[in-house]
Amino acid sequence: LEAISRGMQKSYFIENNNSVIEVLERNCKKICKKNQYEIIFENAINGLDRKFEVQPSIIFIDPPYNKENINLILLKILNNNIKSNNTLIIIESNKEEKILIPQELTLFKEKIYGKTKILFLN
C-alpha cells in the first residue's frame, strides 16, 4: 500500500488467509483506486500461475516462516517470466532457512535482524 500511495502503477497481493484479505481489501479501498491493485486469493505457488497485466518492478516474498517453499516461488517467478531485468526481489525469511538462489538471479544484499533474514535479489 505504501508503494501505491507513492505513485506505483499497480500492486498485486497474493494471499490465502481470509482475515488478512479482509483487512487488505478494506485498506486498499481507503488508499487506492480499484485499477491500482489486485488481490489474488491463492497460495503463493498457485498465485504465480497467471498472466500479470503489469510486470512487477518489485516482488516482495514474505510467506509464513517455513510454510511456503521460497525456492519453488523463485523458480515460478523465473519460469513464468514474471520478472524483468530490472525487477527487484526481496525475500523475508527465518535466518535459518536455506534458500537456493537460481543462477539467473543475483544476490546483492543480505541483512539479518534478530531471527529474520532479508535477501535482495535481481
N, C-alpha and C. Protein backbone atom coordinates (compact mmCIF):
# COMPACT_ATOMS: atom_id res chain seq x y z
N LEU A 1 0.83 -1.20 0.00
CA LEU A 1 0.00 0.00 0.00
C LEU A 1 0.87 1.26 0.00
N GLU A 2 1.97 1.17 0.70
CA GLU A 2 2.88 2.31 0.74
C GLU A 2 3.35 2.67 -0.66
N ALA A 3 3.70 1.66 -1.44
CA ALA A 3 4.18 1.91 -2.81
C ALA A 3 3.10 2.58 -3.67
N ILE A 4 1.86 2.14 -3.55
CA ILE A 4 0.78 2.75 -4.33
C ILE A 4 0.59 4.20 -3.91
N SER A 5 0.64 4.47 -2.62
CA SER A 5 0.46 5.85 -2.15
C SER A 5 1.59 6.76 -2.63
N ARG A 6 2.71 6.16 -3.03
CA ARG A 6 3.85 6.93 -3.53
C ARG A 6 3.97 6.89 -5.05
N GLY A 7 2.93 6.42 -5.73
CA GLY A 7 2.90 6.51 -7.18
C GLY A 7 3.09 5.24 -7.97
N MET A 8 3.23 4.09 -7.33
CA MET A 8 3.37 2.85 -8.08
C MET A 8 2.10 2.61 -8.90
N GLN A 9 2.27 2.15 -10.12
CA GLN A 9 1.15 1.97 -11.05
C GLN A 9 0.14 0.94 -10.55
N LYS A 10 0.62 -0.22 -10.13
CA LYS A 10 -0.28 -1.29 -9.72
C LYS A 10 0.44 -2.21 -8.75
N SER A 11 -0.33 -2.79 -7.84
CA SER A 11 0.22 -3.74 -6.89
C SER A 11 -0.63 -5.01 -6.90
N TYR A 12 0.06 -6.14 -6.88
CA TYR A 12 -0.62 -7.44 -6.79
C TYR A 12 -0.35 -8.00 -5.40
N PHE A 13 -1.38 -8.49 -4.76
CA PHE A 13 -1.25 -9.13 -3.46
C PHE A 13 -1.70 -10.57 -3.62
N ILE A 14 -0.83 -11.52 -3.33
CA ILE A 14 -1.21 -12.93 -3.37
C ILE A 14 -1.33 -13.37 -1.92
N GLU A 15 -2.52 -13.76 -1.54
CA GLU A 15 -2.81 -14.07 -0.15
C GLU A 15 -3.86 -15.16 -0.08
N ASN A 16 -3.76 -16.05 0.91
CA ASN A 16 -4.78 -17.10 1.05
C ASN A 16 -5.40 -17.16 2.44
N ASN A 17 -5.18 -16.11 3.22
CA ASN A 17 -5.77 -16.04 4.55
C ASN A 17 -6.94 -15.06 4.50
N ASN A 18 -8.15 -15.56 4.75
CA ASN A 18 -9.36 -14.74 4.63
C ASN A 18 -9.32 -13.49 5.49
N SER A 19 -8.87 -13.59 6.73
CA SER A 19 -8.87 -12.41 7.60
C SER A 19 -7.86 -11.36 7.11
N VAL A 20 -6.74 -11.80 6.58
CA VAL A 20 -5.76 -10.87 6.02
C VAL A 20 -6.34 -10.20 4.78
N ILE A 21 -7.03 -10.97 3.96
CA ILE A 21 -7.63 -10.41 2.74
C ILE A 21 -8.68 -9.35 3.08
N GLU A 22 -9.49 -9.59 4.11
CA GLU A 22 -10.50 -8.61 4.51
C GLU A 22 -9.85 -7.28 4.90
N VAL A 23 -8.80 -7.34 5.70
CA VAL A 23 -8.10 -6.12 6.12
C VAL A 23 -7.43 -5.46 4.92
N LEU A 24 -6.80 -6.25 4.07
CA LEU A 24 -6.13 -5.74 2.89
C LEU A 24 -7.12 -5.04 1.96
N GLU A 25 -8.26 -5.68 1.72
CA GLU A 25 -9.29 -5.09 0.86
C GLU A 25 -9.79 -3.77 1.44
N ARG A 26 -10.04 -3.74 2.73
CA ARG A 26 -10.52 -2.52 3.38
C ARG A 26 -9.49 -1.39 3.26
N ASN A 27 -8.23 -1.72 3.49
CA ASN A 27 -7.18 -0.70 3.39
C ASN A 27 -6.97 -0.23 1.95
N CYS A 28 -7.01 -1.16 1.02
CA CYS A 28 -6.86 -0.78 -0.39
C CYS A 28 -7.97 0.16 -0.83
N LYS A 29 -9.19 -0.12 -0.42
CA LYS A 29 -10.32 0.75 -0.80
C LYS A 29 -10.17 2.16 -0.25
N LYS A 30 -9.52 2.29 0.91
CA LYS A 30 -9.30 3.62 1.50
C LYS A 30 -8.22 4.41 0.76
N ILE A 31 -7.19 3.71 0.29
CA ILE A 31 -5.99 4.38 -0.23
C ILE A 31 -5.90 4.38 -1.76
N CYS A 32 -6.44 3.36 -2.41
CA CYS A 32 -6.19 3.12 -3.83
C CYS A 32 -7.45 3.26 -4.67
N LYS A 33 -7.21 3.48 -5.95
CA LYS A 33 -8.27 3.32 -6.94
C LYS A 33 -8.34 1.84 -7.29
N LYS A 34 -9.50 1.37 -7.71
CA LYS A 34 -9.70 -0.06 -7.98
C LYS A 34 -8.70 -0.62 -8.99
N ASN A 35 -8.31 0.18 -9.98
CA ASN A 35 -7.39 -0.32 -11.00
C ASN A 35 -5.92 -0.32 -10.55
N GLN A 36 -5.65 0.12 -9.31
CA GLN A 36 -4.28 0.17 -8.81
C GLN A 36 -3.87 -1.09 -8.05
N TYR A 37 -4.82 -1.98 -7.78
CA TYR A 37 -4.46 -3.16 -7.03
C TYR A 37 -5.31 -4.36 -7.47
N GLU A 38 -4.76 -5.52 -7.22
CA GLU A 38 -5.48 -6.76 -7.45
C GLU A 38 -5.11 -7.73 -6.34
N ILE A 39 -6.12 -8.26 -5.68
CA ILE A 39 -5.88 -9.24 -4.63
C ILE A 39 -6.18 -10.62 -5.21
N ILE A 40 -5.20 -11.48 -5.16
CA ILE A 40 -5.30 -12.83 -5.73
C ILE A 40 -5.44 -13.80 -4.56
N PHE A 41 -6.60 -14.45 -4.47
CA PHE A 41 -6.88 -15.37 -3.38
C PHE A 41 -6.34 -16.74 -3.74
N GLU A 42 -5.06 -16.95 -3.43
CA GLU A 42 -4.35 -18.20 -3.73
C GLU A 42 -3.17 -18.31 -2.78
N ASN A 43 -2.58 -19.49 -2.72
CA ASN A 43 -1.29 -19.57 -2.04
C ASN A 43 -0.25 -19.01 -3.02
N ALA A 44 0.94 -18.73 -2.51
CA ALA A 44 1.95 -18.07 -3.34
C ALA A 44 2.33 -18.89 -4.57
N ILE A 45 2.39 -20.19 -4.43
CA ILE A 45 2.79 -21.05 -5.56
C ILE A 45 1.76 -20.97 -6.69
N ASN A 46 0.51 -21.19 -6.38
CA ASN A 46 -0.54 -21.18 -7.41
C ASN A 46 -0.83 -19.77 -7.92
N GLY A 47 -0.66 -18.77 -7.07
CA GLY A 47 -0.94 -17.40 -7.47
C GLY A 47 -0.01 -16.87 -8.54
N LEU A 48 1.12 -17.53 -8.73
CA LEU A 48 2.08 -17.10 -9.75
C LEU A 48 1.81 -17.73 -11.11
N ASP A 49 0.82 -18.61 -11.19
CA ASP A 49 0.46 -19.24 -12.47
C ASP A 49 -0.60 -18.41 -13.18
N ARG A 50 -0.28 -17.21 -13.50
CA ARG A 50 -1.23 -16.30 -14.13
C ARG A 50 -0.48 -15.28 -14.97
N LYS A 51 -1.21 -14.59 -15.79
CA LYS A 51 -0.65 -13.51 -16.59
C LYS A 51 -0.88 -12.21 -15.82
N PHE A 52 0.18 -11.49 -15.54
CA PHE A 52 0.08 -10.22 -14.84
C PHE A 52 -0.04 -9.09 -15.85
N GLU A 53 -1.01 -8.24 -15.64
CA GLU A 53 -1.27 -7.11 -16.54
C GLU A 53 -0.06 -6.19 -16.63
N VAL A 54 0.57 -5.94 -15.50
CA VAL A 54 1.75 -5.08 -15.42
C VAL A 54 2.87 -5.91 -14.81
N GLN A 55 4.03 -5.92 -15.48
CA GLN A 55 5.16 -6.69 -14.94
C GLN A 55 5.69 -5.96 -13.70
N PRO A 56 5.81 -6.69 -12.58
CA PRO A 56 6.22 -6.04 -11.33
C PRO A 56 7.64 -5.49 -11.39
N SER A 57 7.84 -4.33 -10.77
CA SER A 57 9.18 -3.78 -10.62
C SER A 57 9.78 -4.23 -9.30
N ILE A 58 8.91 -4.57 -8.33
CA ILE A 58 9.36 -5.09 -7.04
C ILE A 58 8.49 -6.30 -6.69
N ILE A 59 9.14 -7.37 -6.27
CA ILE A 59 8.42 -8.55 -5.78
C ILE A 59 8.87 -8.77 -4.35
N PHE A 60 7.92 -8.71 -3.43
CA PHE A 60 8.23 -8.90 -2.01
C PHE A 60 7.66 -10.24 -1.59
N ILE A 61 8.52 -11.15 -1.18
CA ILE A 61 8.13 -12.50 -0.78
C ILE A 61 8.26 -12.59 0.74
N ASP A 62 7.13 -12.73 1.39
CA ASP A 62 7.10 -12.77 2.86
C ASP A 62 6.11 -13.83 3.31
N PRO A 63 6.41 -15.10 3.01
CA PRO A 63 5.47 -16.16 3.41
C PRO A 63 5.59 -16.43 4.91
N PRO A 64 4.58 -17.08 5.49
CA PRO A 64 4.76 -17.51 6.88
C PRO A 64 6.02 -18.38 6.95
N TYR A 65 6.87 -18.12 7.92
CA TYR A 65 8.15 -18.82 8.01
C TYR A 65 7.96 -20.33 7.98
N ASN A 66 8.75 -20.96 7.11
CA ASN A 66 8.79 -22.42 6.96
C ASN A 66 7.45 -23.02 6.53
N LYS A 67 6.57 -22.23 5.92
CA LYS A 67 5.27 -22.74 5.46
C LYS A 67 5.19 -22.82 3.94
N GLU A 68 5.85 -21.92 3.24
CA GLU A 68 5.85 -21.92 1.78
C GLU A 68 7.27 -22.22 1.30
N ASN A 69 7.39 -22.83 0.15
CA ASN A 69 8.68 -23.16 -0.42
C ASN A 69 9.20 -21.97 -1.22
N ILE A 70 10.06 -21.18 -0.61
CA ILE A 70 10.59 -20.00 -1.28
C ILE A 70 11.37 -20.37 -2.53
N ASN A 71 12.08 -21.50 -2.50
CA ASN A 71 12.82 -21.94 -3.69
C ASN A 71 11.89 -22.17 -4.87
N LEU A 72 10.74 -22.79 -4.61
CA LEU A 72 9.76 -23.02 -5.67
C LEU A 72 9.14 -21.70 -6.14
N ILE A 73 8.91 -20.78 -5.22
CA ILE A 73 8.37 -19.47 -5.60
C ILE A 73 9.34 -18.77 -6.56
N LEU A 74 10.63 -18.79 -6.26
CA LEU A 74 11.62 -18.16 -7.14
C LEU A 74 11.63 -18.81 -8.52
N LEU A 75 11.56 -20.14 -8.57
CA LEU A 75 11.52 -20.83 -9.86
C LEU A 75 10.27 -20.46 -10.66
N LYS A 76 9.12 -20.35 -9.97
CA LYS A 76 7.87 -19.96 -10.65
C LYS A 76 8.00 -18.56 -11.24
N ILE A 77 8.59 -17.65 -10.48
CA ILE A 77 8.78 -16.28 -10.97
C ILE A 77 9.61 -16.29 -12.25
N LEU A 78 10.66 -17.09 -12.27
CA LEU A 78 11.53 -17.17 -13.46
C LEU A 78 10.85 -17.91 -14.61
N ASN A 79 10.28 -19.08 -14.33
CA ASN A 79 9.68 -19.90 -15.38
C ASN A 79 8.45 -19.25 -16.01
N ASN A 80 7.73 -18.44 -15.25
CA ASN A 80 6.52 -17.79 -15.77
C ASN A 80 6.81 -16.39 -16.29
N ASN A 81 8.09 -16.03 -16.40
CA ASN A 81 8.52 -14.73 -16.94
C ASN A 81 7.82 -13.55 -16.25
N ILE A 82 7.71 -13.63 -14.94
CA ILE A 82 7.08 -12.56 -14.17
C ILE A 82 8.06 -11.42 -13.94
N LYS A 83 9.33 -11.75 -13.87
CA LYS A 83 10.38 -10.78 -13.56
C LYS A 83 10.99 -10.20 -14.83
N SER A 84 11.28 -8.90 -14.80
CA SER A 84 12.05 -8.28 -15.88
C SER A 84 13.50 -8.16 -15.42
N ASN A 85 14.37 -7.65 -16.27
CA ASN A 85 15.78 -7.48 -15.90
C ASN A 85 15.96 -6.50 -14.74
N ASN A 86 15.02 -5.58 -14.59
CA ASN A 86 15.13 -4.54 -13.57
C ASN A 86 14.33 -4.85 -12.31
N THR A 87 13.66 -5.98 -12.26
CA THR A 87 12.82 -6.30 -11.11
C THR A 87 13.68 -6.59 -9.89
N LEU A 88 13.32 -5.97 -8.78
CA LEU A 88 13.95 -6.21 -7.50
C LEU A 88 13.11 -7.25 -6.76
N ILE A 89 13.75 -8.30 -6.27
CA ILE A 89 13.06 -9.32 -5.47
C ILE A 89 13.59 -9.22 -4.05
N ILE A 90 12.67 -9.08 -3.11
CA ILE A 90 13.02 -9.01 -1.70
C ILE A 90 12.36 -10.20 -1.00
N ILE A 91 13.16 -10.94 -0.27
CA ILE A 91 12.65 -12.13 0.44
C ILE A 91 12.87 -11.94 1.93
N GLU A 92 11.81 -12.15 2.70
CA GLU A 92 11.93 -12.17 4.16
C GLU A 92 11.71 -13.60 4.61
N SER A 93 12.62 -14.11 5.41
CA SER A 93 12.51 -15.48 5.90
C SER A 93 13.16 -15.60 7.27
N ASN A 94 13.01 -16.77 7.85
CA ASN A 94 13.73 -17.10 9.08
C ASN A 94 15.20 -17.17 8.72
N LYS A 95 16.07 -16.66 9.58
CA LYS A 95 17.50 -16.63 9.24
C LYS A 95 18.12 -18.02 9.07
N GLU A 96 17.46 -19.04 9.61
CA GLU A 96 17.96 -20.41 9.49
C GLU A 96 17.52 -21.09 8.19
N GLU A 97 16.55 -20.52 7.50
CA GLU A 97 16.02 -21.16 6.29
C GLU A 97 17.04 -21.11 5.16
N LYS A 98 17.24 -22.26 4.53
CA LYS A 98 18.16 -22.36 3.40
C LYS A 98 17.40 -22.00 2.12
N ILE A 99 17.88 -20.99 1.44
CA ILE A 99 17.26 -20.56 0.19
C ILE A 99 18.29 -20.72 -0.92
N LEU A 100 17.90 -21.49 -1.94
CA LEU A 100 18.78 -21.71 -3.08
C LEU A 100 18.47 -20.63 -4.13
N ILE A 101 19.43 -19.80 -4.42
CA ILE A 101 19.24 -18.72 -5.38
C ILE A 101 19.53 -19.28 -6.78
N PRO A 102 18.52 -19.28 -7.66
CA PRO A 102 18.77 -19.76 -9.03
C PRO A 102 19.87 -18.94 -9.71
N GLN A 103 20.60 -19.56 -10.60
CA GLN A 103 21.73 -18.88 -11.25
C GLN A 103 21.30 -17.67 -12.07
N GLU A 104 20.02 -17.61 -12.45
CA GLU A 104 19.52 -16.47 -13.22
C GLU A 104 19.36 -15.21 -12.36
N LEU A 105 19.47 -15.38 -11.04
CA LEU A 105 19.31 -14.26 -10.11
C LEU A 105 20.63 -13.97 -9.40
N THR A 106 20.78 -12.73 -9.00
CA THR A 106 21.97 -12.31 -8.28
C THR A 106 21.58 -11.81 -6.89
N LEU A 107 22.19 -12.38 -5.87
CA LEU A 107 22.01 -11.88 -4.51
C LEU A 107 22.98 -10.73 -4.34
N PHE A 108 22.46 -9.52 -4.09
CA PHE A 108 23.36 -8.39 -3.94
C PHE A 108 23.37 -7.79 -2.54
N LYS A 109 22.46 -8.25 -1.68
CA LYS A 109 22.49 -7.77 -0.30
C LYS A 109 21.75 -8.76 0.59
N GLU A 110 22.28 -8.96 1.78
CA GLU A 110 21.64 -9.82 2.76
C GLU A 110 21.75 -9.13 4.12
N LYS A 111 20.65 -9.07 4.85
CA LYS A 111 20.61 -8.45 6.17
C LYS A 111 19.99 -9.43 7.15
N ILE A 112 20.49 -9.45 8.37
CA ILE A 112 19.93 -10.26 9.44
C ILE A 112 19.47 -9.31 10.54
N TYR A 113 18.20 -9.48 10.94
CA TYR A 113 17.63 -8.71 12.03
C TYR A 113 17.05 -9.70 13.03
N GLY A 114 17.75 -9.99 14.10
CA GLY A 114 17.27 -10.98 15.06
C GLY A 114 17.13 -12.34 14.41
N LYS A 115 15.89 -12.87 14.37
CA LYS A 115 15.61 -14.18 13.76
C LYS A 115 15.24 -14.06 12.28
N THR A 116 15.25 -12.85 11.75
CA THR A 116 14.80 -12.60 10.38
C THR A 116 15.96 -12.35 9.44
N LYS A 117 15.85 -12.94 8.25
CA LYS A 117 16.82 -12.72 7.18
C LYS A 117 16.10 -12.03 6.03
N ILE A 118 16.72 -11.01 5.46
CA ILE A 118 16.16 -10.33 4.29
C ILE A 118 17.18 -10.40 3.18
N LEU A 119 16.75 -10.93 2.03
CA LEU A 119 17.61 -11.04 0.86
C LEU A 119 17.12 -10.10 -0.22
N PHE A 120 18.07 -9.49 -0.92
CA PHE A 120 17.75 -8.62 -2.04
C PHE A 120 18.37 -9.23 -3.29
N LEU A 121 17.53 -9.50 -4.27
CA LEU A 121 17.96 -10.17 -5.49
C LEU A 121 17.60 -9.35 -6.72
N ASN A 122 18.32 -9.62 -7.78
CA ASN A 122 17.99 -9.02 -9.07
C ASN A 122 18.29 -10.05 -10.13
